[in-house]
N, C-alpha and C. Protein backbone atom coordinates (compact mmCIF):
# COMPACT_ATOMS: atom_id res chain seq x y z
N MET A 1 105.85 177.83 93.25
CA MET A 1 104.75 176.94 93.54
C MET A 1 105.32 175.60 94.05
N PRO A 2 104.87 175.19 95.24
CA PRO A 2 105.40 173.93 95.79
C PRO A 2 104.83 172.71 95.07
N MET A 3 105.66 171.69 94.92
CA MET A 3 105.24 170.44 94.27
C MET A 3 105.09 169.36 95.35
N TYR A 4 104.03 168.64 95.25
CA TYR A 4 103.79 167.55 96.17
C TYR A 4 104.03 166.23 95.45
N VAL A 5 104.85 165.44 96.05
CA VAL A 5 105.14 164.13 95.46
C VAL A 5 104.45 163.09 96.34
N HIS A 6 103.55 162.35 95.71
CA HIS A 6 102.84 161.31 96.45
C HIS A 6 103.48 159.96 96.15
N GLU A 7 104.00 159.38 97.13
CA GLU A 7 104.58 158.05 96.98
C GLU A 7 103.78 157.07 97.82
N GLU A 8 103.64 155.94 97.26
CA GLU A 8 102.95 154.89 98.02
C GLU A 8 103.94 154.34 99.04
N ILE A 9 103.57 154.49 100.26
CA ILE A 9 104.45 154.01 101.33
C ILE A 9 103.95 152.64 101.76
N LYS A 10 104.78 151.66 101.52
CA LYS A 10 104.42 150.30 101.92
C LYS A 10 105.12 149.99 103.23
N GLN A 11 104.34 149.50 104.13
CA GLN A 11 104.90 149.17 105.42
C GLN A 11 105.52 147.78 105.34
N LYS A 12 106.77 147.70 105.67
CA LYS A 12 107.46 146.41 105.65
C LYS A 12 107.10 145.67 106.93
N PRO A 13 106.86 144.37 106.81
CA PRO A 13 106.54 143.62 108.03
C PRO A 13 107.74 143.60 108.97
N THR A 14 107.47 143.92 110.18
CA THR A 14 108.55 143.93 111.17
C THR A 14 108.80 142.51 111.64
N LYS A 15 109.86 142.36 112.37
CA LYS A 15 110.19 141.03 112.88
C LYS A 15 109.10 140.54 113.82
N MET A 16 108.52 141.46 114.58
CA MET A 16 107.48 141.08 115.53
C MET A 16 106.25 140.55 114.79
N LYS A 17 105.84 141.25 113.74
CA LYS A 17 104.68 140.79 112.97
C LYS A 17 104.96 139.43 112.36
N ALA A 18 106.15 139.25 111.82
CA ALA A 18 106.51 137.98 111.20
C ALA A 18 106.50 136.87 112.24
N LYS A 19 106.99 137.18 113.43
CA LYS A 19 107.03 136.17 114.49
C LYS A 19 105.61 135.80 114.92
N ILE A 20 104.74 136.77 115.06
CA ILE A 20 103.35 136.50 115.43
C ILE A 20 102.67 135.66 114.37
N GLU A 21 102.87 136.01 113.10
CA GLU A 21 102.27 135.23 112.02
C GLU A 21 102.79 133.80 112.03
N GLU A 22 104.08 133.63 112.32
CA GLU A 22 104.67 132.29 112.37
C GLU A 22 104.05 131.47 113.49
N GLU A 23 103.85 132.10 114.66
CA GLU A 23 103.24 131.40 115.79
C GLU A 23 101.81 130.99 115.46
N VAL A 24 101.07 131.86 114.81
CA VAL A 24 99.68 131.56 114.46
C VAL A 24 99.61 130.40 113.48
N THR A 25 100.47 130.41 112.46
CA THR A 25 100.45 129.32 111.49
C THR A 25 100.88 128.01 112.13
N ALA A 26 101.85 128.07 113.04
CA ALA A 26 102.28 126.85 113.73
C ALA A 26 101.15 126.31 114.60
N GLU A 27 100.44 127.21 115.28
CA GLU A 27 99.32 126.80 116.12
C GLU A 27 98.21 126.17 115.28
N ASN A 28 97.91 126.78 114.13
CA ASN A 28 96.89 126.22 113.25
C ASN A 28 97.31 124.86 112.73
N SER A 29 98.59 124.70 112.44
CA SER A 29 99.10 123.43 111.95
C SER A 29 98.94 122.35 113.02
N LEU A 30 99.28 122.68 114.25
CA LEU A 30 99.12 121.72 115.35
C LEU A 30 97.65 121.37 115.56
N ARG A 31 96.78 122.36 115.45
CA ARG A 31 95.35 122.13 115.60
C ARG A 31 94.85 121.19 114.51
N LYS A 32 95.30 121.41 113.28
CA LYS A 32 94.88 120.55 112.17
C LYS A 32 95.35 119.12 112.39
N LYS A 33 96.58 118.95 112.88
CA LYS A 33 97.10 117.60 113.14
C LYS A 33 96.28 116.91 114.23
N ARG A 34 95.94 117.66 115.28
CA ARG A 34 95.16 117.08 116.37
C ARG A 34 93.78 116.67 115.89
N VAL A 35 93.14 117.53 115.11
CA VAL A 35 91.81 117.23 114.58
C VAL A 35 91.87 116.02 113.66
N LYS A 36 92.92 115.93 112.87
CA LYS A 36 93.08 114.78 111.96
C LYS A 36 93.21 113.49 112.76
N LYS A 37 94.01 113.51 113.84
CA LYS A 37 94.17 112.33 114.68
C LYS A 37 92.85 111.94 115.34
N GLU A 38 92.10 112.95 115.82
CA GLU A 38 90.80 112.67 116.44
C GLU A 38 89.84 112.05 115.44
N ASN A 39 89.83 112.57 114.22
CA ASN A 39 88.94 112.02 113.18
C ASN A 39 89.32 110.59 112.84
N GLU A 40 90.62 110.31 112.74
CA GLU A 40 91.07 108.95 112.45
C GLU A 40 90.67 108.00 113.57
N ALA A 41 90.83 108.44 114.82
CA ALA A 41 90.47 107.61 115.96
C ALA A 41 88.97 107.33 115.95
N TYR A 42 88.17 108.35 115.64
CA TYR A 42 86.72 108.18 115.60
C TYR A 42 86.33 107.19 114.50
N GLU A 43 86.96 107.31 113.33
CA GLU A 43 86.66 106.40 112.22
C GLU A 43 87.01 104.96 112.59
N LYS A 44 88.14 104.77 113.29
CA LYS A 44 88.52 103.42 113.72
C LYS A 44 87.50 102.88 114.71
N LEU A 45 87.04 103.72 115.61
CA LEU A 45 86.04 103.30 116.59
C LEU A 45 84.75 102.88 115.91
N VAL A 46 84.32 103.65 114.92
CA VAL A 46 83.11 103.31 114.17
C VAL A 46 83.28 101.97 113.48
N MET A 47 84.45 101.76 112.88
CA MET A 47 84.71 100.49 112.19
C MET A 47 84.68 99.32 113.16
N LEU A 48 85.26 99.51 114.35
CA LEU A 48 85.25 98.44 115.35
C LEU A 48 83.83 98.14 115.82
N ASN A 49 83.04 99.19 116.04
CA ASN A 49 81.66 98.99 116.46
C ASN A 49 80.87 98.22 115.41
N GLU A 50 81.07 98.56 114.14
CA GLU A 50 80.37 97.85 113.07
C GLU A 50 80.81 96.40 113.01
N ALA A 51 82.12 96.15 113.18
CA ALA A 51 82.62 94.78 113.15
C ALA A 51 82.05 93.97 114.31
N ASN A 52 82.00 94.58 115.50
CA ASN A 52 81.43 93.88 116.66
C ASN A 52 79.96 93.58 116.45
N GLU A 53 79.23 94.53 115.89
CA GLU A 53 77.81 94.32 115.64
C GLU A 53 77.60 93.20 114.63
N GLN A 54 78.40 93.17 113.58
CA GLN A 54 78.29 92.11 112.58
C GLN A 54 78.59 90.74 113.18
N GLU A 55 79.57 90.70 114.08
CA GLU A 55 79.91 89.44 114.73
C GLU A 55 78.76 88.98 115.62
N LEU A 56 78.14 89.90 116.34
CA LEU A 56 77.00 89.53 117.17
C LEU A 56 75.84 89.03 116.32
N VAL A 57 75.58 89.68 115.21
CA VAL A 57 74.51 89.25 114.31
C VAL A 57 74.81 87.86 113.76
N ALA A 58 76.07 87.62 113.43
CA ALA A 58 76.46 86.31 112.89
C ALA A 58 76.25 85.21 113.92
N ARG A 59 76.37 85.54 115.20
CA ARG A 59 76.16 84.54 116.26
C ARG A 59 74.70 84.44 116.67
N GLY A 60 73.85 85.25 116.07
CA GLY A 60 72.42 85.15 116.33
C GLY A 60 71.93 86.00 117.49
N VAL A 61 72.68 87.00 117.89
CA VAL A 61 72.29 87.88 118.99
C VAL A 61 71.42 89.00 118.42
N ASP A 62 70.32 89.31 119.13
CA ASP A 62 69.41 90.37 118.69
C ASP A 62 69.98 91.72 119.14
N THR A 63 70.59 92.43 118.22
CA THR A 63 71.23 93.70 118.55
C THR A 63 70.22 94.81 118.82
N MET A 64 69.05 94.72 118.22
CA MET A 64 68.03 95.76 118.44
C MET A 64 67.58 95.78 119.89
N THR A 65 67.47 94.60 120.51
CA THR A 65 67.08 94.52 121.92
C THR A 65 68.17 95.15 122.79
N ILE A 66 69.41 94.85 122.46
CA ILE A 66 70.52 95.41 123.23
C ILE A 66 70.53 96.93 123.12
N LYS A 67 70.31 97.46 121.92
CA LYS A 67 70.28 98.91 121.73
C LYS A 67 69.14 99.54 122.52
N ALA A 68 67.97 98.90 122.52
CA ALA A 68 66.83 99.43 123.26
C ALA A 68 67.11 99.46 124.75
N GLU A 69 67.71 98.38 125.27
CA GLU A 69 68.04 98.33 126.69
C GLU A 69 69.08 99.39 127.06
N THR A 70 70.06 99.56 126.20
CA THR A 70 71.10 100.55 126.44
C THR A 70 70.51 101.96 126.47
N GLU A 71 69.63 102.26 125.53
CA GLU A 71 68.99 103.58 125.50
C GLU A 71 68.12 103.79 126.74
N LYS A 72 67.46 102.75 127.19
CA LYS A 72 66.62 102.84 128.38
C LYS A 72 67.48 103.15 129.61
N ILE A 73 68.59 102.44 129.75
CA ILE A 73 69.49 102.66 130.88
C ILE A 73 70.06 104.08 130.83
N TYR A 74 70.44 104.53 129.64
CA TYR A 74 70.98 105.88 129.47
C TYR A 74 69.95 106.93 129.88
N ALA A 75 68.70 106.73 129.47
CA ALA A 75 67.64 107.68 129.82
C ALA A 75 67.42 107.72 131.33
N GLU A 76 67.46 106.55 131.97
CA GLU A 76 67.29 106.50 133.43
C GLU A 76 68.43 107.24 134.14
N GLN A 77 69.65 107.03 133.66
CA GLN A 77 70.80 107.71 134.27
C GLN A 77 70.69 109.22 134.09
N LYS A 78 70.22 109.63 132.94
CA LYS A 78 70.07 111.05 132.66
C LYS A 78 69.01 111.66 133.58
N GLN A 79 67.90 110.95 133.78
CA GLN A 79 66.85 111.44 134.67
C GLN A 79 67.34 111.51 136.11
N SER A 80 68.09 110.49 136.56
CA SER A 80 68.58 110.50 137.94
C SER A 80 69.58 111.63 138.13
N GLY A 81 70.35 111.96 137.11
CA GLY A 81 71.29 113.09 137.19
C GLY A 81 70.55 114.40 137.33
N LYS A 82 69.44 114.55 136.62
CA LYS A 82 68.64 115.78 136.72
C LYS A 82 68.00 115.88 138.10
N ARG A 83 67.57 114.75 138.63
CA ARG A 83 66.95 114.76 139.96
C ARG A 83 67.96 115.19 141.01
N LYS A 84 69.19 114.67 140.92
CA LYS A 84 70.22 115.02 141.89
C LYS A 84 70.53 116.51 141.83
N LYS A 85 70.57 117.07 140.63
CA LYS A 85 70.85 118.50 140.48
C LYS A 85 69.72 119.35 141.05
N SER A 86 68.47 118.88 140.89
CA SER A 86 67.33 119.66 141.38
C SER A 86 67.23 119.59 142.91
N LEU A 87 67.74 118.52 143.51
CA LEU A 87 67.70 118.39 144.97
C LEU A 87 68.74 119.29 145.64
N LYS A 88 69.79 119.64 144.96
CA LYS A 88 70.86 120.46 145.56
C LYS A 88 70.45 121.86 145.70
């Protein structure tokens, strides 16, 4: 009567698999560093904007009027961009 021996065969990671995994982790690491730098830059920009706004308020400038005018100009530019696209 034949005997069957069942062994668990574990596949050892080949050099190619290890290299691919290393490249992926390095890429993820670089991506994380880039995202971190972008977040830091954005936070600095927000802080500068707040400081500028506080300085304008301290000098008595009406920032709400400036924001309204800026939004109006932005809306006009957006509309003119849509018109140019529809004319083409």
